[in-house]
C-alpha atoms as a PDB file:
ATOM      1  CA  MET A   1     -24.078  -7.791  -6.163  1.00  0.00           C
ATOM      2  CA  ASN A   2     -24.171  -5.079  -3.512  1.00  0.00           C
ATOM      3  CA  ILE A   3     -21.147  -3.407  -1.907  1.00  0.00           C
ATOM      4  CA  GLY A   4     -21.172  -5.749   1.102  1.00  0.00           C
ATOM      5  CA  GLN A   5     -21.058  -8.789  -1.142  1.00  0.00           C
ATOM      6  CA  ALA A   6     -18.380  -7.178  -3.301  1.00  0.00           C
ATOM      7  CA  ALA A   7     -16.327  -6.513  -0.168  1.00  0.00           C
ATOM      8  CA  LYS A   8     -16.667 -10.129   0.935  1.00  0.00           C
ATOM      9  CA  HIS A   9     -15.721 -11.522  -2.478  1.00  0.00           C
ATOM     10  CA  SER A  10     -12.776  -9.191  -3.026  1.00  0.00           C
ATOM     11  CA  GLY A  11     -11.376  -8.979   0.507  1.00  0.00           C
ATOM     12  CA  ILE A  12     -11.596  -5.176   0.377  1.00  0.00           C
ATOM     13  CA  SER A  13     -13.754  -3.256   2.830  1.00  0.00           C
ATOM     14  CA  ALA A  14     -16.784  -1.351   1.568  1.00  0.00           C
ATOM     15  CA  LYS A  15     -15.125   1.879   2.699  1.00  0.00           C
ATOM     16  CA  MET A  16     -12.029   1.140   0.592  1.00  0.00           C
ATOM     17  CA  ILE A  17     -14.182   0.163  -2.389  1.00  0.00           C
ATOM     18  CA  ARG A  18     -15.857   3.581  -2.236  1.00  0.00           C
ATOM     19  CA  TYR A  19     -12.417   5.208  -1.886  1.00  0.00           C
ATOM     20  CA  TYR A  20     -11.112   3.343  -4.940  1.00  0.00           C
ATOM     21  CA  GLU A  21     -14.137   4.589  -6.870  1.00  0.00           C
ATOM     22  CA  ASP A  22     -13.496   8.160  -5.679  1.00  0.00           C
ATOM     23  CA  ILE A  23      -9.869   8.144  -6.845  1.00  0.00           C
ATOM     24  CA  GLY A  24     -10.661   6.469 -10.154  1.00  0.00           C
ATOM     25  CA  LEU A  25      -9.163   3.026  -9.639  1.00  0.00           C
ATOM     26  CA  LEU A  26     -12.567   1.419  -9.974  1.00  0.00           C
ATOM     27  CA  PRO A  27     -15.160   2.822 -12.349  1.00  0.00           C
ATOM     28  CA  ALA A  28     -18.426   3.798 -10.713  1.00  0.00           C
ATOM     29  CA  PRO A  29     -20.612   0.704 -10.784  1.00  0.00           C
ATOM     30  CA  LYS A  30     -24.084   0.585 -12.209  1.00  0.00           C
ATOM     31  CA  ARG A  31     -26.890   1.402  -9.800  1.00  0.00           C
ATOM     32  CA  ASN A  32     -29.955  -0.751  -9.260  1.00  0.00           C
ATOM     33  CA  GLN A  33     -33.489   0.672  -9.262  1.00  0.00           C
ATOM     34  CA  SER A  34     -33.152   1.567  -5.571  1.00  0.00           C
ATOM     35  CA  GLY A  35     -29.978   3.527  -6.273  1.00  0.00           C
ATOM     36  CA  TYR A  36     -27.617   1.039  -4.624  1.00  0.00           C
ATOM     37  CA  ARG A  37     -24.324   0.134  -6.218  1.00  0.00           C
ATOM     38  CA  ASP A  38     -24.511  -3.057  -8.264  1.00  0.00           C
ATOM     39  CA  TYR A  39     -21.117  -4.705  -8.832  1.00  0.00           C
ATOM     40  CA  SER A  40     -20.464  -7.073 -11.711  1.00  0.00           C
ATOM     41  CA  ASP A  41     -18.107 -10.036 -11.864  1.00  0.00           C
ATOM     42  CA  ALA A  42     -15.708  -7.811 -13.835  1.00  0.00           C
ATOM     43  CA  ASP A  43     -15.774  -5.288 -10.977  1.00  0.00           C
ATOM     44  CA  ILE A  44     -14.892  -8.077  -8.530  1.00  0.00           C
ATOM     45  CA  ARG A  45     -11.971  -9.166 -10.740  1.00  0.00           C
ATOM     46  CA  THR A  46     -10.776  -5.547 -10.811  1.00  0.00           C
ATOM     47  CA  LEU A  47     -11.089  -5.263  -7.029  1.00  0.00           C
ATOM     48  CA  SER A  48      -9.133  -8.501  -6.597  1.00  0.00           C
ATOM     49  CA  PHE A  49      -6.443  -7.156  -8.922  1.00  0.00           C
ATOM     50  CA  ILE A  50      -6.293  -3.939  -6.878  1.00  0.00           C
ATOM     51  CA  GLN A  51      -6.069  -5.929  -3.638  1.00  0.00           C
ATOM     52  CA  HIS A  52      -3.163  -8.025  -4.926  1.00  0.00           C
ATOM     53  CA  ALA A  53      -1.343  -4.934  -6.221  1.00  0.00           C
ATOM     54  CA  ARG A  54      -1.860  -3.260  -2.855  1.00  0.00           C
ATOM     55  CA  GLU A  55      -0.458  -6.319  -1.073  1.00  0.00           C
ATOM     56  CA  LEU A  56       2.672  -5.876  -3.192  1.00  0.00           C
ATOM     57  CA  GLY A  57       2.958  -2.271  -2.037  1.00  0.00           C
ATOM     58  CA  PHE A  58       2.066  -0.496  -5.257  1.00  0.00           C
ATOM     59  CA  SER A  59       0.874   3.093  -4.781  1.00  0.00           C
ATOM     60  CA  SER A  60      -2.507   4.281  -6.024  1.00  0.00           C
ATOM     61  CA  GLU A  61      -0.845   5.989  -8.986  1.00  0.00           C
ATOM     62  CA  GLN A  62       1.077   2.835  -9.836  1.00  0.00           C
ATOM     63  CA  MET A  63      -2.120   0.812  -9.520  1.00  0.00           C
ATOM     64  CA  LYS A  64      -3.810   3.144 -12.017  1.00  0.00           C
ATOM     65  CA  GLU A  65      -0.987   2.468 -14.426  1.00  0.00           C
ATOM     66  CA  LEU A  66      -1.093  -1.272 -13.763  1.00  0.00           C
ATOM     67  CA  LEU A  67      -4.851  -1.350 -14.282  1.00  0.00           C
ATOM     68  CA  GLY A  68      -4.443   0.478 -17.573  1.00  0.00           C
ATOM     69  CA  LEU A  69      -1.862  -2.057 -18.697  1.00  0.00           C
ATOM     70  CA  TRP A  70      -3.955  -4.985 -17.444  1.00  0.00           C
ATOM     71  CA  ARG A  71      -6.998  -3.779 -19.369  1.00  0.00           C
ATOM     72  CA  ASN A  72      -4.996  -3.070 -22.544  1.00  0.00           C
ATOM     73  CA  GLU A  73      -4.823  -6.302 -24.504  1.00  0.00           C
ATOM     74  CA  VAL A  74      -2.233  -4.857 -26.921  1.00  0.00           C
ATOM     75  CA  ARG A  75       0.107  -3.722 -24.133  1.00  0.00           C
ATOM     76  CA  GLN A  76       3.779  -4.526 -24.260  1.00  0.00           C
ATOM     77  CA  SER A  77       5.060  -6.606 -21.380  1.00  0.00           C
ATOM     78  CA  SER A  78       8.137  -4.364 -21.337  1.00  0.00           C
ATOM     79  CA  ALA A  79       5.968  -1.554 -19.924  1.00  0.00           C
ATOM     80  CA  VAL A  80       4.723  -3.812 -17.137  1.00  0.00           C
ATOM     81  CA  LYS A  81       8.242  -5.016 -16.412  1.00  0.00           C
ATOM     82  CA  ALA A  82       9.610  -1.463 -16.269  1.00  0.00           C
ATOM     83  CA  LEU A  83       6.922  -0.468 -13.779  1.00  0.00           C
ATOM     84  CA  ALA A  84       7.629  -3.521 -11.638  1.00  0.00           C
ATOM     85  CA  GLN A  85      11.390  -2.906 -11.748  1.00  0.00           C
ATOM     86  CA  LYS A  86      10.889   0.696 -10.645  1.00  0.00           C
ATOM     87  CA  HIS A  87       8.740  -0.540  -7.769  1.00  0.00           C
ATOM     88  CA  ILE A  88      11.404  -3.078  -6.799  1.00  0.00           C
ATOM     89  CA  ALA A  89      13.978  -0.280  -6.591  1.00  0.00           C
ATOM     90  CA  THR A  90      11.628   1.744  -4.379  1.00  0.00           C
ATOM     91  CA  LEU A  91      11.028  -1.256  -2.107  1.00  0.00           C
ATOM     92  CA  GLU A  92      14.753  -1.953  -1.841  1.00  0.00           C
ATOM     93  CA  GLN A  93      15.364   1.662  -0.810  1.00  0.00           C
ATOM     94  CA  LYS A  94      12.627   1.442   1.812  1.00  0.00           C
ATOM     95  CA  ILE A  95      14.134  -1.778   3.146  1.00  0.00           C
ATOM     96  CA  ASN A  96      17.568  -0.121   3.376  1.00  0.00           C
ATOM     97  CA  ASP A  97      16.067   2.886   5.137  1.00  0.00           C
ATOM     98  CA  MET A  98      14.247   0.651   7.606  1.00  0.00           C
ATOM     99  CA  GLN A  99      17.390  -1.366   8.289  1.00  0.00           C
ATOM    100  CA  THR A 100      19.226   1.873   9.053  1.00  0.00           C
ATOM    101  CA  MET A 101      16.430   2.982  11.392  1.00  0.00           C
ATOM    102  CA  LEU A 102      16.532  -0.401  13.104  1.00  0.00           C
ATOM    103  CA  GLU A 103      20.272  -0.191  13.711  1.00  0.00           C
ATOM    104  CA  ILE A 104      20.024   3.365  15.030  1.00  0.00           C
ATOM    105  CA  LEU A 105      17.236   2.389  17.387  1.00  0.00           C
ATOM    106  CA  LYS A 106      19.126  -0.707  18.541  1.00  0.00           C
ATOM    107  CA  GLN A 107      22.106   1.506  19.420  1.00  0.00           C
ATOM    108  CA  SER A 108      19.882   3.854  21.410  1.00  0.00           C
ATOM    109  CA  VAL A 109      18.310   0.925  23.257  1.00  0.00           C
ATOM    110  CA  ALA A 110      21.742  -0.511  24.048  1.00  0.00           C
ATOM    111  CA  ARG A 111      22.762   2.807  25.658  1.00  0.00           C
ATOM    112  CA  CYS A 112      19.584   3.002  27.762  1.00  0.00           C
ATOM    113  CA  ALA A 113      19.946   1.667  31.316  1.00  0.00           C
ATOM    114  CA  GLY A 114      16.339   0.548  31.352  1.00  0.00           C
ATOM    115  CA  ASP A 115      16.105   0.920  35.120  1.00  0.00           C
ATOM    116  CA  ALA A 116      14.128   3.068  37.568  1.00  0.00           C
ATOM    117  CA  ARG A 117      16.055   6.254  36.693  1.00  0.00           C
ATOM    118  CA  SER A 118      14.315   8.863  34.562  1.00  0.00           C
ATOM    119  CA  ASP A 119      17.394   9.484  32.413  1.00  0.00           C
ATOM    120  CA  CYS A 120      16.867   7.743  29.048  1.00  0.00           C
ATOM    121  CA  GLU A 121      19.210   7.741  26.068  1.00  0.00           C
ATOM    122  CA  ILE A 122      16.426   6.692  23.708  1.00  0.00           C
ATOM    123  CA  LEU A 123      14.426   9.841  24.442  1.00  0.00           C
ATOM    124  CA  LYS A 124      17.567  11.983  24.240  1.00  0.00           C
ATOM    125  CA  ASP A 125      18.439  10.561  20.833  1.00  0.00           C
ATOM    126  CA  ILE A 126      14.928  11.186  19.543  1.00  0.00           C
ATOM    127  CA  GLU A 127      14.866  14.714  20.973  1.00  0.00           C
ATOM    128  CA  GLN A 128      18.225  15.577  19.423  1.00  0.00           C
ATOM    129  CA  GLY A 129      17.482  13.804  16.163  1.00  0.00           C
ATOM    130  CA  ARG A 130      20.673  11.882  16.676  1.00  0.00           C
ATOM    131  CA  ASP A 131      21.512   9.785  13.668  1.00  0.00           C
ATOM    132  CA  THR A 132      24.071   7.449  15.113  1.00  0.00           C
ATOM    133  CA  GLN A 133      25.451   5.591  12.138  1.00  0.00           C
ATOM    134  CA  PRO A 134      25.316   1.796  12.399  1.00  0.00           C
END
């Protein structure tokens, strides 16, 4: 199937499919006689795997590792679990960081009069890099 069909079946845009090929997540597909990419069912399964991993927030490097484990039939599930646990820790840290940012921004908004005056505490806080602790 061509790249447009592969994009439709996998839910990944043609541009991203080419990007995933460029960075080595997806092997270069075979080419038909006209030189167009020709994707197999296995390529579509790989693209779907990549899409699901991306939806879970895995980085490209982590996806390379996951793909290697997925393709390795003699893998140990402990390696997969360790990778997932490391990703969980990263996600939890990002969530904590975002919660802190949210609280800081809420405090700035609460101090802003929000009226016709030009004076604005939100802009002052951003300018000064004020990290008001929640």
